[in-house]
Amino acid sequence: MKFFVDTADTGEIRELAATGLLDGVTTNPSLVAKSGRKFVDVIKEICAIVDGPVSAEVTATAYDDMVAEGRKLADIAENVCVKVPLTMPGLKACRTLSQAGAKVNVTLCFSAAQALLAAKAGATFISPFVGRLDDVGSDGMNLIADIVQIYANYPALTTEVLVASVRHPVHVIEAAKMGAHVATLPPAVLRQLFNHPLTDKGLAAFLADWAKTGQSIL
């Protein structure tokens, strides 16, 4: 499974990229707005930090405008992945942009039917929002299972399942067990993957025993 980080904070991205575990970045207008910086400048900097896909979202809702914005975003860097909403104009824009060679992430997916349409439109990634489904009483992970199964039935579909709106490590593990290709995580959730109380306890015991020896490796 590939790990993307869901943020526009370039400091966070640099720190996480240094681990070698970061495969890409997703952003959206809300995340970029929090940075207080110009949108294009933020995307350029992120693309220079990571080699993998960097999702940059259009803000238009009409087909022609989405295509125009998508082309401008794709020109920022080779690893930009244009993000479009899962609407009919969005899927039309996805088709146009993908046929022109751009990578496209179709976002705000909440049903398997929507995911199937996005794949047929040529999406590079489909972004189902599991946490938001959980918030309204649905089981977001059931949607991931359905999409993975449907895509597996049709080898000609090359769209990758990018699990979004991830709230905790359990979402990540369940998605990986189902065979989802990517999870995009807020920085705090990505850091939670490193942590376990037994790791901390074991390390403390090892260090205490080592200190008793009075030795030094260096």
C-alpha atoms as a PDB file:
ATOM      1  CA  MET A   1       0.000   0.000   0.000  1.00  0.00           C
ATOM      2  CA  LYS A   2       1.176   3.503  -0.827  1.00  0.00           C
ATOM      3  CA  PHE A   3       1.001   6.268   1.777  1.00  0.00           C
ATOM      4  CA  PHE A   4       0.098   9.824   0.801  1.00  0.00           C
ATOM      5  CA  VAL A   5      -0.088  12.655   3.317  1.00  0.00           C
ATOM      6  CA  ASP A   6      -3.150  14.906   3.237  1.00  0.00           C
ATOM      7  CA  THR A   7      -1.869  18.403   3.940  1.00  0.00           C
ATOM      8  CA  ALA A   8      -0.570  21.601   2.365  1.00  0.00           C
ATOM      9  CA  ASP A   9       1.920  22.218   5.192  1.00  0.00           C
ATOM     10  CA  THR A  10       5.276  21.977   3.415  1.00  0.00           C
ATOM     11  CA  GLY A  11       7.157  21.702   6.705  1.00  0.00           C
ATOM     12  CA  GLU A  12       5.167  18.601   7.631  1.00  0.00           C
ATOM     13  CA  ILE A  13       5.679  17.176   4.142  1.00  0.00           C
ATOM     14  CA  ARG A  14       9.453  17.655   4.280  1.00  0.00           C
ATOM     15  CA  GLU A  15       9.693  15.952   7.663  1.00  0.00           C
ATOM     16  CA  LEU A  16       7.566  12.977   6.626  1.00  0.00           C
ATOM     17  CA  ALA A  17       9.273  12.672   3.228  1.00  0.00           C
ATOM     18  CA  ALA A  18      12.605  12.316   5.029  1.00  0.00           C
ATOM     19  CA  THR A  19      11.406   8.965   6.417  1.00  0.00           C
ATOM     20  CA  GLY A  20      11.339   7.511   2.900  1.00  0.00           C
ATOM     21  CA  LEU A  21       7.809   6.237   3.559  1.00  0.00           C
ATOM     22  CA  LEU A  22       5.887   8.967   1.756  1.00  0.00           C
ATOM     23  CA  ASP A  23       4.654   8.122  -1.749  1.00  0.00           C
ATOM     24  CA  GLY A  24       2.660  11.235  -2.563  1.00  0.00           C
ATOM     25  CA  VAL A  25       0.576  14.159  -1.297  1.00  0.00           C
ATOM     26  CA  THR A  26      -3.055  15.182  -1.517  1.00  0.00           C
ATOM     27  CA  THR A  27      -4.295  18.718  -1.023  1.00  0.00           C
ATOM     28  CA  ASN A  28      -7.591  20.535  -1.408  1.00  0.00           C
ATOM     29  CA  PRO A  29      -8.670  24.195  -1.419  1.00  0.00           C
ATOM     30  CA  SER A  30      -9.398  24.117   2.330  1.00  0.00           C
ATOM     31  CA  LEU A  31      -5.929  22.792   3.185  1.00  0.00           C
ATOM     32  CA  VAL A  32      -4.179  25.322   0.947  1.00  0.00           C
ATOM     33  CA  ALA A  33      -6.268  28.155   2.396  1.00  0.00           C
ATOM     34  CA  LYS A  34      -4.995  27.244   5.883  1.00  0.00           C
ATOM     35  CA  SER A  35      -1.422  27.803   4.677  1.00  0.00           C
ATOM     36  CA  GLY A  36      -2.164  31.469   3.924  1.00  0.00           C
ATOM     37  CA  ARG A  37      -0.010  31.215   0.793  1.00  0.00           C
ATOM     38  CA  LYS A  38      -0.654  31.442  -2.946  1.00  0.00           C
ATOM     39  CA  PHE A  39      -2.057  28.196  -4.309  1.00  0.00           C
ATOM     40  CA  VAL A  40       0.392  27.781  -7.200  1.00  0.00           C
ATOM     41  CA  ASP A  41       3.396  28.513  -4.980  1.00  0.00           C
ATOM     42  CA  VAL A  42       2.344  25.822  -2.501  1.00  0.00           C
ATOM     43  CA  ILE A  43       1.834  23.203  -5.196  1.00  0.00           C
ATOM     44  CA  LYS A  44       5.200  24.018  -6.806  1.00  0.00           C
ATOM     45  CA  GLU A  45       7.012  23.613  -3.508  1.00  0.00           C
ATOM     46  CA  ILE A  46       5.287  20.333  -2.675  1.00  0.00           C
ATOM     47  CA  CYS A  47       6.080  18.925  -6.114  1.00  0.00           C
ATOM     48  CA  ALA A  48       9.752  19.741  -5.538  1.00  0.00           C
ATOM     49  CA  ILE A  49       9.746  17.897  -2.201  1.00  0.00           C
ATOM     50  CA  VAL A  50       8.150  14.624  -3.290  1.00  0.00           C
ATOM     51  CA  ASP A  51       8.603  12.613  -6.471  1.00  0.00           C
ATOM     52  CA  GLY A  52       5.188  10.943  -6.309  1.00  0.00           C
ATOM     53  CA  PRO A  53       1.780  12.301  -7.294  1.00  0.00           C
ATOM     54  CA  VAL A  54       0.662  15.604  -5.804  1.00  0.00           C
ATOM     55  CA  SER A  55      -3.093  16.117  -6.018  1.00  0.00           C
ATOM     56  CA  ALA A  56      -4.059  19.723  -6.748  1.00  0.00           C
ATOM     57  CA  GLU A  57      -7.780  20.394  -6.913  1.00  0.00           C
ATOM     58  CA  VAL A  58      -9.686  22.543  -9.383  1.00  0.00           C
ATOM     59  CA  THR A  59     -12.102  25.078  -7.915  1.00  0.00           C
ATOM     60  CA  ALA A  60     -14.385  25.430 -10.934  1.00  0.00           C
ATOM     61  CA  THR A  61     -17.631  23.461 -11.253  1.00  0.00           C
ATOM     62  CA  ALA A  62     -18.345  23.843 -14.986  1.00  0.00           C
ATOM     63  CA  TYR A  63     -16.709  21.469 -17.477  1.00  0.00           C
ATOM     64  CA  ASP A  64     -14.860  24.043 -19.612  1.00  0.00           C
ATOM     65  CA  ASP A  65     -13.511  25.848 -16.558  1.00  0.00           C
ATOM     66  CA  MET A  66     -12.418  22.609 -14.880  1.00  0.00           C
ATOM     67  CA  VAL A  67     -10.510  21.587 -17.983  1.00  0.00           C
ATOM     68  CA  ALA A  68      -8.837  25.004 -18.231  1.00  0.00           C
ATOM     69  CA  GLU A  69      -7.855  24.947 -14.559  1.00  0.00           C
ATOM     70  CA  GLY A  70      -6.757  21.316 -14.803  1.00  0.00           C
ATOM     71  CA  ARG A  71      -4.444  22.085 -17.715  1.00  0.00           C
ATOM     72  CA  LYS A  72      -2.910  24.989 -15.820  1.00  0.00           C
ATOM     73  CA  LEU A  73      -2.350  22.818 -12.746  1.00  0.00           C
ATOM     74  CA  ALA A  74      -0.855  19.993 -14.811  1.00  0.00           C
ATOM     75  CA  ASP A  75       1.661  22.445 -16.261  1.00  0.00           C
ATOM     76  CA  ILE A  76       3.065  23.262 -12.787  1.00  0.00           C
ATOM     77  CA  ALA A  77       5.048  20.024 -12.576  1.00  0.00           C
ATOM     78  CA  GLU A  78       5.134  16.541 -14.071  1.00  0.00           C
ATOM     79  CA  ASN A  79       3.939  14.935 -10.836  1.00  0.00           C
ATOM     80  CA  VAL A  80       0.797  17.058 -10.440  1.00  0.00           C
ATOM     81  CA  CYS A  81      -2.363  14.966 -10.332  1.00  0.00           C
ATOM     82  CA  VAL A  82      -5.392  17.105 -11.167  1.00  0.00           C
ATOM     83  CA  LYS A  83      -8.186  16.632  -8.652  1.00  0.00           C
ATOM     84  CA  VAL A  84     -11.788  16.956  -9.861  1.00  0.00           C
ATOM     85  CA  PRO A  85     -15.113  16.390  -8.071  1.00  0.00           C
ATOM     86  CA  LEU A  86     -17.289  13.388  -8.793  1.00  0.00           C
ATOM     87  CA  THR A  87     -19.979  15.222 -10.729  1.00  0.00           C
ATOM     88  CA  MET A  88     -21.010  14.783 -14.343  1.00  0.00           C
ATOM     89  CA  PRO A  89     -18.962  17.834 -15.454  1.00  0.00           C
ATOM     90  CA  GLY A  90     -16.121  16.533 -13.287  1.00  0.00           C
ATOM     91  CA  LEU A  91     -16.129  13.138 -14.983  1.00  0.00           C
ATOM     92  CA  LYS A  92     -16.251  14.790 -18.406  1.00  0.00           C
ATOM     93  CA  ALA A  93     -13.233  16.861 -17.399  1.00  0.00           C
ATOM     94  CA  CYS A  94     -11.548  13.713 -16.107  1.00  0.00           C
ATOM     95  CA  ARG A  95     -11.987  12.063 -19.498  1.00  0.00           C
ATOM     96  CA  THR A  96     -10.621  15.073 -21.375  1.00  0.00           C
ATOM     97  CA  LEU A  97      -7.648  15.603 -19.082  1.00  0.00           C
ATOM     98  CA  SER A  98      -6.708  11.923 -18.841  1.00  0.00           C
ATOM     99  CA  GLN A  99      -6.870  11.525 -22.616  1.00  0.00           C
ATOM    100  CA  ALA A 100      -4.467  14.477 -22.859  1.00  0.00           C
ATOM    101  CA  GLY A 101      -2.017  12.617 -20.630  1.00  0.00           C
ATOM    102  CA  ALA A 102      -2.740  14.237 -17.261  1.00  0.00           C
ATOM    103  CA  LYS A 103      -3.077  12.219 -14.067  1.00  0.00           C
ATOM    104  CA  VAL A 104      -6.526  12.725 -12.513  1.00  0.00           C
ATOM    105  CA  ASN A 105      -7.787  12.096  -8.977  1.00  0.00           C
ATOM    106  CA  VAL A 106     -11.586  11.996  -8.791  1.00  0.00           C
ATOM    107  CA  THR A 107     -12.609  13.080  -5.301  1.00  0.00           C
ATOM    108  CA  LEU A 108     -15.700  13.127  -3.085  1.00  0.00           C
ATOM    109  CA  CYS A 109     -16.713   9.565  -3.918  1.00  0.00           C
ATOM    110  CA  PHE A 110     -19.396   8.068  -1.688  1.00  0.00           C
ATOM    111  CA  SER A 111     -20.735   5.099  -3.655  1.00  0.00           C
ATOM    112  CA  ALA A 112     -19.457   2.123  -5.652  1.00  0.00           C
ATOM    113  CA  ALA A 113     -21.503   3.269  -8.632  1.00  0.00           C
ATOM    114  CA  GLN A 114     -19.660   6.595  -8.620  1.00  0.00           C
ATOM    115  CA  ALA A 115     -16.328   4.760  -8.413  1.00  0.00           C
ATOM    116  CA  LEU A 116     -17.199   2.626 -11.429  1.00  0.00           C
ATOM    117  CA  LEU A 117     -18.067   5.730 -13.452  1.00  0.00           C
ATOM    118  CA  ALA A 118     -14.785   7.402 -12.483  1.00  0.00           C
ATOM    119  CA  ALA A 119     -12.800   4.372 -13.606  1.00  0.00           C
ATOM    120  CA  LYS A 120     -14.612   4.334 -16.934  1.00  0.00           C
ATOM    121  CA  ALA A 121     -13.820   8.045 -17.305  1.00  0.00           C
ATOM    122  CA  GLY A 122     -10.106   7.258 -17.050  1.00  0.00           C
ATOM    123  CA  ALA A 123      -9.354   8.376 -13.477  1.00  0.00           C
ATOM    124  CA  THR A 124      -5.852   7.642 -12.207  1.00  0.00           C
ATOM    125  CA  PHE A 125      -7.196   7.572  -8.634  1.00  0.00           C
ATOM    126  CA  ILE A 126     -10.643   7.392  -7.056  1.00  0.00           C
ATOM    127  CA  SER A 127     -10.952   8.950  -3.586  1.00  0.00           C
ATOM    128  CA  PRO A 128     -13.726   7.394  -1.459  1.00  0.00           C
ATOM    129  CA  PHE A 129     -14.233   9.310   1.812  1.00  0.00           C
ATOM    130  CA  VAL A 130     -14.533   6.667   4.530  1.00  0.00           C
ATOM    131  CA  GLY A 131     -14.571   8.960   7.567  1.00  0.00           C
ATOM    132  CA  ARG A 132     -17.361  11.132   6.244  1.00  0.00           C
ATOM    133  CA  LEU A 133     -19.478   8.040   5.588  1.00  0.00           C
ATOM    134  CA  ASP A 134     -18.830   6.863   9.145  1.00  0.00           C
ATOM    135  CA  ASP A 135     -19.963  10.287  10.361  1.00  0.00           C
ATOM    136  CA  VAL A 136     -23.447   9.803   8.877  1.00  0.00           C
ATOM    137  CA  GLY A 137     -23.919   6.272  10.194  1.00  0.00           C
ATOM    138  CA  SER A 138     -22.628   4.290   7.208  1.00  0.00           C
ATOM    139  CA  ASP A 139     -19.620   1.949   7.206  1.00  0.00           C
ATOM    140  CA  GLY A 140     -17.000   3.612   5.039  1.00  0.00           C
ATOM    141  CA  MET A 141     -14.882   0.474   4.860  1.00  0.00           C
ATOM    142  CA  ASN A 142     -17.720  -1.443   3.202  1.00  0.00           C
ATOM    143  CA  LEU A 143     -17.444   1.019   0.329  1.00  0.00           C
ATOM    144  CA  ILE A 144     -13.715   0.313  -0.009  1.00  0.00           C
ATOM    145  CA  ALA A 145     -14.381  -3.434  -0.124  1.00  0.00           C
ATOM    146  CA  ASP A 146     -17.025  -2.964  -2.829  1.00  0.00           C
ATOM    147  CA  ILE A 147     -14.825  -0.754  -5.016  1.00  0.00           C
ATOM    148  CA  VAL A 148     -11.799  -3.049  -4.725  1.00  0.00           C
ATOM    149  CA  GLN A 149     -13.939  -6.054  -5.662  1.00  0.00           C
ATOM    150  CA  ILE A 150     -15.554  -4.316  -8.632  1.00  0.00           C
ATOM    151  CA  TYR A 151     -12.240  -3.070 -10.013  1.00  0.00           C
ATOM    152  CA  ALA A 152     -10.704  -6.534  -9.611  1.00  0.00           C
ATOM    153  CA  ASN A 153     -13.473  -7.987 -11.779  1.00  0.00           C
ATOM    154  CA  TYR A 154     -12.350  -5.850 -14.716  1.00  0.00           C
ATOM    155  CA  PRO A 155      -8.569  -5.930 -15.320  1.00  0.00           C
ATOM    156  CA  ALA A 156      -8.899  -3.275 -18.019  1.00  0.00           C
ATOM    157  CA  LEU A 157      -9.734  -0.737 -15.301  1.00  0.00           C
ATOM    158  CA  THR A 158      -6.457   0.723 -14.036  1.00  0.00           C
ATOM    159  CA  THR A 159      -7.833   3.250 -11.538  1.00  0.00           C
ATOM    160  CA  GLU A 160      -6.248   2.977  -8.084  1.00  0.00           C
ATOM    161  CA  VAL A 161      -8.347   3.116  -4.914  1.00  0.00           C
ATOM    162  CA  LEU A 162      -7.113   6.035  -2.794  1.00  0.00           C
ATOM    163  CA  VAL A 163      -8.729   5.807   0.642  1.00  0.00           C
ATOM    164  CA  ALA A 164      -9.467   9.330   1.894  1.00  0.00           C
ATOM    165  CA  SER A 165     -10.985  10.964   4.977  1.00  0.00           C
ATOM    166  CA  VAL A 166      -8.965   8.539   7.101  1.00  0.00           C
ATOM    167  CA  ARG A 167      -9.540   9.138  10.804  1.00  0.00           C
ATOM    168  CA  HIS A 168      -7.366   6.523  12.552  1.00  0.00           C
ATOM    169  CA  PRO A 169      -4.894   3.665  11.958  1.00  0.00           C
ATOM    170  CA  VAL A 170      -7.657   1.033  11.898  1.00  0.00           C
ATOM    171  CA  HIS A 171      -8.970   2.581   8.675  1.00  0.00           C
ATOM    172  CA  VAL A 172      -5.508   2.124   7.160  1.00  0.00           C
ATOM    173  CA  ILE A 173      -5.096  -1.517   8.207  1.00  0.00           C
ATOM    174  CA  GLU A 174      -8.597  -2.506   7.113  1.00  0.00           C
ATOM    175  CA  ALA A 175      -8.082  -0.820   3.740  1.00  0.00           C
ATOM    176  CA  ALA A 176      -4.736  -2.595   3.282  1.00  0.00           C
ATOM    177  CA  LYS A 177      -6.339  -5.964   4.083  1.00  0.00           C
ATOM    178  CA  MET A 178      -8.947  -5.275   1.419  1.00  0.00           C
ATOM    179  CA  GLY A 179      -6.288  -4.484  -1.173  1.00  0.00           C
ATOM    180  CA  ALA A 180      -6.754  -0.730  -1.541  1.00  0.00           C
ATOM    181  CA  HIS A 181      -3.815   0.776  -3.401  1.00  0.00           C
ATOM    182  CA  VAL A 182      -3.315   4.032  -1.473  1.00  0.00           C
ATOM    183  CA  ALA A 183      -4.291   5.673   1.805  1.00  0.00           C
ATOM    184  CA  THR A 184      -3.989   9.429   2.223  1.00  0.00           C
ATOM    185  CA  LEU A 185      -3.534  10.375   5.852  1.00  0.00           C
ATOM    186  CA  PRO A 186      -3.456  13.567   7.890  1.00  0.00           C
ATOM    187  CA  PRO A 187       0.036  13.967   9.364  1.00  0.00           C
ATOM    188  CA  ALA A 188      -1.196  13.119  12.878  1.00  0.00           C
ATOM    189  CA  VAL A 189      -2.700   9.813  11.739  1.00  0.00           C
ATOM    190  CA  LEU A 190       0.403   8.915   9.743  1.00  0.00           C
ATOM    191  CA  ARG A 191       2.493   9.424  12.878  1.00  0.00           C
ATOM    192  CA  GLN A 192       0.126   7.220  14.876  1.00  0.00           C
ATOM    193  CA  LEU A 193       1.131   4.293  12.668  1.00  0.00           C
ATOM    194  CA  PHE A 194       4.588   4.382  14.246  1.00  0.00           C
ATOM    195  CA  ASN A 195       3.354   4.190  17.816  1.00  0.00           C
ATOM    196  CA  HIS A 196       2.631   1.262  20.108  1.00  0.00           C
ATOM    197  CA  PRO A 197       2.928   1.265  23.936  1.00  0.00           C
ATOM    198  CA  LEU A 198       4.723  -2.103  23.938  1.00  0.00           C
ATOM    199  CA  THR A 199       7.388  -0.693  21.597  1.00  0.00           C
ATOM    200  CA  ASP A 200       7.977   2.178  24.025  1.00  0.00           C
ATOM    201  CA  LYS A 201       8.009  -0.189  27.004  1.00  0.00           C
ATOM    202  CA  GLY A 202      10.417  -2.613  25.340  1.00  0.00           C
ATOM    203  CA  LEU A 203      12.793   0.148  24.279  1.00  0.00           C
ATOM    204  CA  ALA A 204      12.830   1.608  27.788  1.00  0.00           C
ATOM    205  CA  ALA A 205      13.738  -1.814  29.212  1.00  0.00           C
ATOM    206  CA  PHE A 206      16.510  -2.364  26.674  1.00  0.00           C
ATOM    207  CA  LEU A 207      18.022   1.061  27.371  1.00  0.00           C
ATOM    208  CA  ALA A 208      17.848   0.556  31.124  1.00  0.00           C
ATOM    209  CA  ASP A 209      19.662  -2.770  30.849  1.00  0.00           C
ATOM    210  CA  TRP A 210      22.265  -1.242  28.553  1.00  0.00           C
ATOM    211  CA  ALA A 211      22.888   1.652  30.922  1.00  0.00           C
ATOM    212  CA  LYS A 212      23.713  -0.832  33.684  1.00  0.00           C
ATOM    213  CA  THR A 213      26.610  -2.215  31.647  1.00  0.00           C
ATOM    214  CA  GLY A 214      28.387   1.151  31.527  1.00  0.00           C
ATOM    215  CA  GLN A 215      29.335   0.471  27.918  1.00  0.00           C
ATOM    216  CA  SER A 216      29.169   2.687  24.802  1.00  0.00           C
ATOM    217  CA  ILE A 217      29.077   1.594  21.182  1.00  0.00           C
ATOM    218  CA  LEU A 218      30.846   4.766  20.068  1.00  0.00           C
END
